[in-house]
Amino acid sequence: MHSKPNRQQPDQKYRRKGALNATGFLLSALAVGVVLLFFTLREDDRIDEDPALDALLRAQSHLTQSYGPEQDLLSESQAAHRELSAAIELLATAQQNDPATTEKIKDLRTNLQAMESKKDFGGMTSEELQVRYRKLRSELEALIDARVKQHY
C-alpha cells in the first residue's frame, strides 16, 4: 500500500538545471569572446594606421620578454662572483698555512682576483673564459696533488 517514492523525478530536474546552467555559461563565454574579438580587431586597425604606436608596442613586448633572461644572467653573474670571492679567501688561508707554495698560491689568487674584479669577466668570449677556467683549475689541481703527495 505504501508507494515507493519516485526518485527519478528529482534527478531529472537537477540534470535539466545543470544542463541549462552549462548552456548559459557557454553562451555567456561565447558572447564575451565575440566582444573581445571585436575590440581586438578594431585595436589592430588603429595600430596599422599608426606605425609609431605599432613600433612602440612591439618594443615594449621585446623589452618585457628580455627581462627574465637578463634577470637570470644577473643572478648567475652574482653567484659566480660570490664563488670566486670564496675561492680567493680560501686560497689566502692556504697561502698562510703552506709557505712552500706561497708564490704559486699568490699567483693563482692574483689571477682569480683579476677575473673577479672585472664586470662580466672583462667581456671575454665563452671560449676564452673556458680556457682561463681550465688553466686556473689545472693550476689549483697541481697544488692539491702536490699537497696530497706530501701527506702520503
Protein backbone atom coordinates (compact mmCIF):
# COMPACT_ATOMS: atom_id res chain seq x y z
CA MET A 1 0.00 0.00 0.00
CA HIS A 2 2.85 2.22 0.52
CA SER A 3 4.03 3.51 -2.73
CA LYS A 4 7.68 3.79 -3.43
CA PRO A 5 8.90 7.33 -3.77
CA ASN A 6 9.76 8.26 -7.31
CA ARG A 7 13.44 9.11 -7.12
CA GLN A 8 13.82 9.57 -10.83
CA GLN A 9 11.87 12.79 -10.97
CA PRO A 10 14.18 14.92 -8.73
CA ASP A 11 17.27 13.58 -10.51
CA GLN A 12 15.87 14.55 -13.89
CA LYS A 13 15.01 18.01 -12.54
CA TYR A 14 18.61 18.58 -11.36
CA ARG A 15 20.02 17.26 -14.63
CA ARG A 16 17.94 19.74 -16.60
CA LYS A 17 19.06 22.62 -14.35
CA GLY A 18 22.69 21.57 -14.72
CA ALA A 19 22.38 21.40 -18.48
CA LEU A 20 20.72 24.81 -18.57
CA ASN A 21 23.43 26.28 -16.32
CA ALA A 22 26.20 24.83 -18.52
CA THR A 23 24.48 26.08 -21.67
CA GLY A 24 24.05 29.54 -20.16
CA PHE A 25 27.68 29.64 -19.14
CA LEU A 26 28.84 28.61 -22.61
CA LEU A 27 26.62 31.22 -24.27
CA SER A 28 27.93 33.90 -21.90
CA ALA A 29 31.55 32.92 -22.58
CA LEU A 30 30.88 32.95 -26.32
CA ALA A 31 29.36 36.43 -26.10
CA VAL A 32 32.34 37.74 -24.13
CA GLY A 33 34.70 36.19 -26.69
CA VAL A 34 32.89 37.86 -29.59
CA VAL A 35 33.03 41.25 -27.84
CA LEU A 36 36.76 40.87 -27.09
CA LEU A 37 37.44 39.79 -30.66
CA PHE A 38 35.61 42.85 -31.97
CA PHE A 39 37.67 45.20 -29.79
CA THR A 40 40.91 43.42 -30.68
CA LEU A 41 40.21 43.73 -34.40
CA ARG A 42 39.42 47.42 -34.02
CA GLU A 43 42.61 47.92 -31.99
CA ASP A 44 44.64 46.16 -34.70
CA ASP A 45 43.17 48.54 -37.30
CA ARG A 46 44.32 51.53 -35.29
CA ILE A 47 47.84 50.09 -34.92
CA ASP A 48 48.10 49.56 -38.68
CA GLU A 49 47.28 53.23 -39.14
CA ASP A 50 49.93 54.33 -36.62
CA PRO A 51 53.37 52.80 -37.36
CA ALA A 52 54.94 54.64 -34.41
CA LEU A 53 52.44 53.12 -31.98
CA ASP A 54 52.98 49.71 -33.54
CA ALA A 55 56.76 50.07 -33.12
CA LEU A 56 56.36 51.26 -29.52
CA LEU A 57 54.09 48.34 -28.63
CA ARG A 58 56.43 45.85 -30.26
CA ALA A 59 59.42 47.41 -28.46
CA GLN A 60 57.52 47.13 -25.18
CA SER A 61 56.84 43.46 -25.87
CA HIS A 62 60.50 42.74 -26.65
CA LEU A 63 61.63 44.65 -23.56
CA THR A 64 59.22 42.69 -21.38
CA GLN A 65 60.40 39.39 -22.86
CA SER A 66 64.06 40.27 -22.29
CA TYR A 67 63.62 40.94 -18.58
CA GLY A 68 63.54 37.30 -17.46
CA PRO A 69 66.75 36.21 -19.21
CA GLU A 70 68.52 39.41 -18.12
CA GLN A 71 67.48 38.76 -14.52
CA ASP A 72 68.79 35.18 -14.79
CA LEU A 73 72.12 36.40 -16.20
CA LEU A 74 72.47 38.92 -13.38
CA SER A 75 71.75 36.27 -10.74
CA GLU A 76 74.21 33.84 -12.31
CA SER A 77 76.87 36.54 -12.59
CA GLN A 78 76.42 37.48 -8.94
CA ALA A 79 76.65 33.83 -7.91
CA ALA A 80 79.85 33.41 -9.96
CA HIS A 81 81.40 36.44 -8.28
CA ARG A 82 80.45 35.12 -4.83
CA GLU A 83 82.05 31.77 -5.63
CA LEU A 84 85.21 33.43 -6.94
CA SER A 85 85.42 35.56 -3.78
CA ALA A 86 85.09 32.46 -1.63
CA ALA A 87 87.84 30.71 -3.63
CA ILE A 88 90.11 33.75 -3.22
CA GLU A 89 89.54 33.81 0.54
CA LEU A 90 90.28 30.09 0.83
CA LEU A 91 93.46 30.48 -1.19
CA ALA A 92 94.54 33.18 1.27
CA THR A 93 94.08 30.67 4.09
CA ALA A 94 96.05 28.03 2.18
CA GLN A 95 98.79 30.56 1.45
CA GLN A 96 99.22 31.29 5.17
CA ASN A 97 99.38 27.60 6.04
CA ASP A 98 101.66 26.37 3.25
CA PRO A 99 104.81 28.51 3.00
CA ALA A 100 106.38 26.14 0.44
CA THR A 101 103.83 27.06 -2.22
CA THR A 102 103.23 30.69 -1.24
CA GLU A 103 104.27 32.10 -4.63
CA LYS A 104 102.19 29.65 -6.64
CA ILE A 105 99.13 30.29 -4.47
CA LYS A 106 99.73 34.03 -4.64
CA ASP A 107 99.82 33.89 -8.46
CA LEU A 108 96.62 31.84 -8.53
CA ARG A 109 94.90 34.29 -6.17
CA THR A 110 96.04 37.22 -8.30
CA ASN A 111 94.55 35.62 -11.43
CA LEU A 112 91.28 34.87 -9.64
CA GLN A 113 91.11 38.41 -8.26
CA ALA A 114 91.61 39.79 -11.75
CA MET A 115 88.71 37.67 -13.00
CA GLU A 116 86.51 38.53 -10.04
CA SER A 117 87.09 42.26 -10.29
CA LYS A 118 86.15 42.52 -13.97
CA LYS A 119 82.45 43.01 -14.58
CA ASP A 120 81.18 40.11 -16.71
CA PHE A 121 84.74 38.74 -16.77
CA GLY A 122 86.10 41.56 -18.89
CA GLY A 123 83.95 40.88 -21.92
CA MET A 124 85.62 37.54 -22.64
CA THR A 125 84.13 35.21 -25.17
CA SER A 126 82.80 31.92 -23.94
CA GLU A 127 85.82 30.09 -25.33
CA GLU A 128 88.31 32.48 -23.69
CA LEU A 129 86.52 32.09 -20.37
CA GLN A 130 86.63 28.29 -20.66
CA VAL A 131 90.36 28.35 -21.42
CA ARG A 132 91.02 30.62 -18.47
CA TYR A 133 88.96 28.49 -16.07
CA ARG A 134 90.65 25.30 -17.26
CA LYS A 135 94.09 26.85 -16.75
CA LEU A 136 93.23 28.07 -13.25
CA ARG A 137 91.62 24.74 -12.33
CA SER A 138 94.64 22.80 -13.53
CA GLU A 139 96.97 25.07 -11.51
CA LEU A 140 94.82 24.52 -8.43
CA GLU A 141 94.71 20.77 -9.05
CA ALA A 142 98.52 20.70 -9.33
CA LEU A 143 98.79 22.44 -5.95
CA ILE A 144 96.33 19.97 -4.43
CA ASP A 145 98.15 16.96 -5.91
CA ALA A 146 101.48 18.22 -4.57
CA ARG A 147 99.98 18.74 -1.13
CA VAL A 148 98.36 15.28 -1.11
CA LYS A 149 101.69 13.65 -2.11
CA GLN A 150 103.35 15.34 0.89
CA HIS A 151 100.95 13.57 3.24
CA TYR A 152 101.07 10.10 1.68
